C-alpha atoms as a PDB file:
ATOM      1  CA  MET A   1      24.250  -0.644  -3.920  1.00  0.00           C
ATOM      2  CA  GLU A   2      23.100  -2.694  -6.730  1.00  0.00           C
ATOM      3  CA  GLU A   3      21.029  -4.920  -3.573  1.00  0.00           C
ATOM      4  CA  LYS A   4      19.209  -1.759  -2.696  1.00  0.00           C
ATOM      5  CA  LYS A   5      17.836  -1.184  -6.103  1.00  0.00           C
ATOM      6  CA  THR A   6      17.271  -4.182  -6.379  1.00  0.00           C
ATOM      7  CA  TYR A   7      15.438  -4.224  -3.184  1.00  0.00           C
ATOM      8  CA  LEU A   8      13.940  -0.490  -3.778  1.00  0.00           C
ATOM      9  CA  ARG A   9      12.104  -1.665  -7.734  1.00  0.00           C
ATOM     10  CA  LYS A  10      10.965  -4.935  -6.025  1.00  0.00           C
ATOM     11  CA  MET A  11       9.280  -2.704  -3.382  1.00  0.00           C
ATOM     12  CA  ALA A  12       8.331  -0.272  -5.468  1.00  0.00           C
ATOM     13  CA  GLU A  13       6.594  -2.463  -7.657  1.00  0.00           C
ATOM     14  CA  ARG A  14       4.832  -4.356  -5.456  1.00  0.00           C
ATOM     15  CA  LEU A  15       3.251  -0.763  -3.936  1.00  0.00           C
ATOM     16  CA  GLU A  16       2.011  -0.465  -7.902  1.00  0.00           C
ATOM     17  CA  GLN A  17       0.065  -3.608  -7.447  1.00  0.00           C
ATOM     18  CA  LEU A  18      -1.555  -2.688  -4.602  1.00  0.00           C
ATOM     19  CA  ASP A  19      -2.711   0.370  -6.147  1.00  0.00           C
ATOM     20  CA  ALA A  20      -4.043  -1.094  -8.653  1.00  0.00           C
ATOM     21  CA  LYS A  21      -5.862  -3.283  -6.070  1.00  0.00           C
ATOM     22  CA  VAL A  22      -7.266   0.011  -4.584  1.00  0.00           C
ATOM     23  CA  ALA A  23      -8.270   1.140  -7.191  1.00  0.00           C
ATOM     24  CA  GLU A  24     -10.375  -1.705  -8.227  1.00  0.00           C
ATOM     25  CA  LEU A  25     -11.996  -1.334  -5.093  1.00  0.00           C
ATOM     26  CA  LYS A  26     -12.314   2.415  -5.551  1.00  0.00           C
ATOM     27  CA  ALA A  27     -14.623   1.147  -9.005  1.00  0.00           C
ATOM     28  CA  LYS A  28     -16.391  -1.483  -6.835  1.00  0.00           C
ATOM     29  CA  ALA A  29     -17.578   1.359  -5.067  1.00  0.00           C
ATOM     30  CA  ALA A  30     -18.325   3.719  -7.506  1.00  0.00           C
ATOM     31  CA  LYS A  31     -20.726   1.069  -8.881  1.00  0.00           C
ATOM     32  CA  ALA A  32     -21.636  -0.077  -6.171  1.00  0.00           C
ATOM     33  CA  GLY A  33     -24.731   1.395  -3.613  1.00  0.00           C
ATOM     34  CA  GLY A  34     -25.943   2.709  -0.435  1.00  0.00           C
ATOM     35  CA  GLU A  35     -24.627   1.029   2.115  1.00  0.00           C
ATOM     36  CA  ALA A  36     -21.989  -1.454   0.147  1.00  0.00           C
ATOM     37  CA  LYS A  37     -20.714   1.754  -1.419  1.00  0.00           C
ATOM     38  CA  GLY A  38     -20.593   3.974   1.840  1.00  0.00           C
ATOM     39  CA  GLU A  39     -18.330   1.248   3.116  1.00  0.00           C
ATOM     40  CA  ILE A  40     -16.362   0.900   0.599  1.00  0.00           C
ATOM     41  CA  ASP A  41     -15.792   4.404  -0.001  1.00  0.00           C
ATOM     42  CA  LYS A  42     -14.632   4.546   3.767  1.00  0.00           C
ATOM     43  CA  LYS A  43     -12.248   1.223   3.338  1.00  0.00           C
ATOM     44  CA  ALA A  44     -11.183   3.057   0.460  1.00  0.00           C
ATOM     45  CA  ALA A  45     -10.424   6.545   2.264  1.00  0.00           C
ATOM     46  CA  GLU A  46      -8.129   3.990   4.807  1.00  0.00           C
ATOM     47  CA  LEU A  47      -6.252   2.401   1.732  1.00  0.00           C
ATOM     48  CA  THR A  48      -5.992   5.861   0.460  1.00  0.00           C
ATOM     49  CA  THR A  49      -3.186   6.856   4.021  1.00  0.00           C
ATOM     50  CA  LYS A  50      -1.954   3.708   4.573  1.00  0.00           C
ATOM     51  CA  GLN A  51      -0.520   4.078   0.208  1.00  0.00           C
ATOM     52  CA  GLN A  52       0.695   7.909   1.387  1.00  0.00           C
ATOM     53  CA  GLU A  53       3.237   6.127   4.410  1.00  0.00           C
ATOM     54  CA  ALA A  54       4.299   3.248   2.550  1.00  0.00           C
ATOM     55  CA  ARG A  55       5.729   5.046  -0.303  1.00  0.00           C
ATOM     56  CA  GLN A  56       6.577   8.066   1.930  1.00  0.00           C
ATOM     57  CA  LYS A  57       8.639   5.508   3.479  1.00  0.00           C
ATOM     58  CA  LEU A  58       9.452   3.964   0.146  1.00  0.00           C
ATOM     59  CA  GLN A  59      10.749   7.503  -0.082  1.00  0.00           C
ATOM     60  CA  GLU A  60      12.631   7.553   2.782  1.00  0.00           C
ATOM     61  CA  LEU A  61      14.318   4.769   2.132  1.00  0.00           C
ATOM     62  CA  LYS A  62      16.076   5.819  -1.265  1.00  0.00           C
ATOM     63  CA  GLU A  63      17.002   8.951   0.474  1.00  0.00           C
ATOM     64  CA  SER A  64      19.204   6.710   3.615  1.00  0.00           C
ATOM     65  CA  GLY A  65      22.400   6.560   3.722  1.00  0.00           C
ATOM     66  CA  ALA A  66      23.784   3.025   4.773  1.00  0.00           C
ATOM     67  CA  GLU A  67      24.106   3.923   7.986  1.00  0.00           C
ATOM     68  CA  LYS A  68      20.283   3.999   8.458  1.00  0.00           C
ATOM     69  CA  TRP A  69      19.282   1.792   5.557  1.00  0.00           C
ATOM     70  CA  ASP A  70      18.651  -1.250   8.382  1.00  0.00           C
ATOM     71  CA  SER A  71      16.251   0.819  10.472  1.00  0.00           C
ATOM     72  CA  LEU A  72      14.629   2.595   8.025  1.00  0.00           C
ATOM     73  CA  LYS A  73      14.166  -0.880   5.663  1.00  0.00           C
ATOM     74  CA  GLY A  74      12.404  -2.255   8.331  1.00  0.00           C
ATOM     75  CA  ARG A  75       9.986   1.155   8.970  1.00  0.00           C
ATOM     76  CA  ALA A  76       8.819   0.211   4.726  1.00  0.00           C
ATOM     77  CA  GLU A  77       8.607  -3.141   5.221  1.00  0.00           C
ATOM     78  CA  LYS A  78       6.211  -2.628   8.103  1.00  0.00           C
ATOM     79  CA  ALA A  79       4.201   0.107   6.290  1.00  0.00           C
ATOM     80  CA  GLN A  80       4.188  -2.379   3.171  1.00  0.00           C
ATOM     81  CA  HIS A  81       2.710  -5.159   4.906  1.00  0.00           C
ATOM     82  CA  ASN A  82       0.055  -3.366   6.512  1.00  0.00           C
ATOM     83  CA  LEU A  83      -1.390  -1.609   3.301  1.00  0.00           C
ATOM     84  CA  GLU A  84      -0.738  -5.209   1.775  1.00  0.00           C
ATOM     85  CA  GLU A  85      -2.793  -6.809   4.634  1.00  0.00           C
ATOM     86  CA  ALA A  86      -5.420  -4.264   5.089  1.00  0.00           C
ATOM     87  CA  VAL A  87      -5.915  -4.105   1.073  1.00  0.00           C
ATOM     88  CA  ALA A  88      -6.526  -8.432   1.542  1.00  0.00           C
ATOM     89  CA  LYS A  89      -8.881  -7.674   3.928  1.00  0.00           C
ATOM     90  CA  ILE A  90     -11.173  -5.537   2.195  1.00  0.00           C
ATOM     91  CA  VAL A  91     -11.234  -7.899  -0.664  1.00  0.00           C
ATOM     92  CA  ALA A  92     -11.953 -10.425   1.221  1.00  0.00           C
ATOM     93  CA  LYS A  93     -14.840  -8.803   2.725  1.00  0.00           C
ATOM     94  CA  PHE A  94     -16.235  -7.493  -0.539  1.00  0.00           C
ATOM     95  CA  LYS A  95     -15.942 -10.795  -2.660  1.00  0.00           C
ATOM     96  CA  LYS A  96     -18.538 -11.712  -1.166  1.00  0.00           C
END
């Protein structure tokens, strides 16, 4: 049981870190002008969708029993990984 709590806490902390990066991108979009603003806004909207998906999977994992833990854990990890990749790509693109 402690392993599950630790895992869920770490996953929630990672999602919070990703939320902060998304907020930074949104702040950059607000300051950007023209075409860059539109592109950053579009990517930020995509990230918001991925954030919601990752949070939903985390919630399902929290509510799961032992019998569904493994399958839901994999799905939650995949959703978080997809969000991490999307954030990394966007951050790299707009660091230029």
